[in-house]
Amino acid sequence: MRTYIGGQEAVSVNEFIELALGTPVELWLGVEGESEEERAARLDAARDILAENPDLPDDVSRIAAQVIEANAPELFNIVPLIRRPAGRRPVRKGAAA
């Protein structure tokens, strides 16, 4: 099965992410051994992209949630915990109240 994003085929996971985000992952995560100057330039470029696309963080969060839901749906099975009022202890069977 082939995956296309915007008419371009994604042949690897990194290409899929890059096409989905519109930027390379390395721009956000950095690369091993980058210099301080390279890091500063990368962060400047990232700030410019975020300034031009203020919805990008929300879009990325939505994509990440969709991927997690599709591949690990049990992570979204949330069970609320019941809180007892302060000072109240659970009553055991056979114990006097």
Protein backbone atom coordinates (compact mmCIF):
# COMPACT_ATOMS: atom_id res chain seq x y z
CA MET A 1 0.00 0.00 0.00
CA ARG A 2 1.33 3.44 -0.89
CA THR A 3 0.86 6.58 1.14
CA TYR A 4 0.53 9.96 -0.53
CA ILE A 5 0.41 13.35 1.16
CA GLY A 6 -0.31 16.33 -1.04
CA GLY A 7 0.41 14.30 -4.14
CA GLN A 8 3.83 13.19 -2.90
CA GLU A 9 4.57 9.58 -1.93
CA ALA A 10 5.94 8.95 1.55
CA VAL A 11 8.20 5.90 1.42
CA SER A 12 9.43 6.00 5.02
CA VAL A 13 8.15 7.00 8.43
CA ASN A 14 10.38 10.10 8.45
CA GLU A 15 9.14 11.16 5.02
CA PHE A 16 5.54 10.68 6.17
CA ILE A 17 6.15 12.87 9.23
CA GLU A 18 7.97 15.50 7.20
CA LEU A 19 5.20 15.66 4.60
CA ALA A 20 2.48 15.72 7.28
CA LEU A 21 4.18 18.52 9.22
CA GLY A 22 5.57 20.38 6.25
CA THR A 23 8.99 20.51 7.93
CA PRO A 24 11.74 17.99 8.63
CA VAL A 25 11.65 16.42 12.10
CA GLU A 26 15.29 17.41 12.63
CA LEU A 27 14.22 21.07 12.64
CA TRP A 28 12.32 20.47 15.89
CA LEU A 29 14.44 17.76 17.51
CA GLY A 30 17.92 18.73 16.37
CA VAL A 31 20.65 16.41 15.22
CA GLU A 32 23.43 14.64 17.05
CA GLY A 33 26.58 16.73 17.27
CA GLU A 34 25.18 20.02 16.05
CA SER A 35 27.20 23.10 16.98
CA GLU A 36 25.83 25.96 19.07
CA GLU A 37 25.70 28.07 15.90
CA GLU A 38 23.74 25.38 14.03
CA ARG A 39 21.40 24.98 17.01
CA ALA A 40 20.77 28.74 17.17
CA ALA A 41 20.03 28.86 13.42
CA ARG A 42 17.70 25.86 13.70
CA LEU A 43 15.80 27.41 16.61
CA ASP A 44 15.51 30.74 14.74
CA ALA A 45 14.02 28.93 11.75
CA ALA A 46 11.61 27.03 14.03
CA ARG A 47 10.49 30.31 15.67
CA ASP A 48 9.88 31.84 12.23
CA ILE A 49 7.80 28.84 11.17
CA LEU A 50 5.74 28.98 14.38
CA ALA A 51 5.20 32.73 13.93
CA GLU A 52 3.88 32.13 10.41
CA ASN A 53 1.83 29.05 11.42
CA PRO A 54 0.42 29.60 14.92
CA ASP A 55 -1.86 26.54 14.58
CA LEU A 56 1.06 24.19 13.93
CA PRO A 57 1.40 22.96 17.56
CA ASP A 58 -2.32 22.11 17.66
CA ASP A 59 -2.08 20.34 14.30
CA VAL A 60 0.94 18.32 15.48
CA SER A 61 -0.85 17.38 18.71
CA ARG A 62 -3.90 16.26 16.73
CA ILE A 63 -1.75 14.16 14.37
CA ALA A 64 0.10 12.58 17.31
CA ALA A 65 -3.18 11.76 19.07
CA GLN A 66 -4.58 10.17 15.91
CA VAL A 67 -1.45 8.05 15.46
CA ILE A 68 -1.52 6.94 19.10
CA GLU A 69 -5.23 6.17 18.94
CA ALA A 70 -4.75 4.11 15.77
CA ASN A 71 -1.72 2.19 17.04
CA ALA A 72 -2.20 2.01 20.80
CA PRO A 73 -5.89 2.65 21.55
CA GLU A 74 -5.53 1.31 25.08
CA LEU A 75 -3.64 4.49 25.97
CA PHE A 76 -6.94 6.37 25.57
CA ASN A 77 -8.90 3.99 27.83
CA ILE A 78 -9.09 6.32 30.79
CA VAL A 79 -10.85 5.27 33.98
CA PRO A 80 -11.68 8.09 36.38
CA LEU A 81 -10.57 7.58 39.98
CA ILE A 82 -13.14 8.11 42.73
CA ARG A 83 -12.07 10.55 45.41
CA ARG A 84 -13.43 10.29 48.90
CA PRO A 85 -14.15 13.44 50.87
CA ALA A 86 -11.32 14.44 53.19
CA GLY A 87 -11.41 12.74 56.59
CA ARG A 88 -13.61 9.82 55.50
CA ARG A 89 -12.19 6.34 55.55
CA PRO A 90 -13.61 3.35 53.70
CA VAL A 91 -15.97 1.17 55.76
CA ARG A 92 -14.96 -2.48 56.02
CA LYS A 93 -17.56 -5.20 56.14
CA GLY A 94 -18.28 -6.24 59.69
CA ALA A 95 -16.70 -3.11 61.15
CA ALA A 96 -18.67 -0.67 63.27
CA ALA A 97 -19.32 2.65 61.61
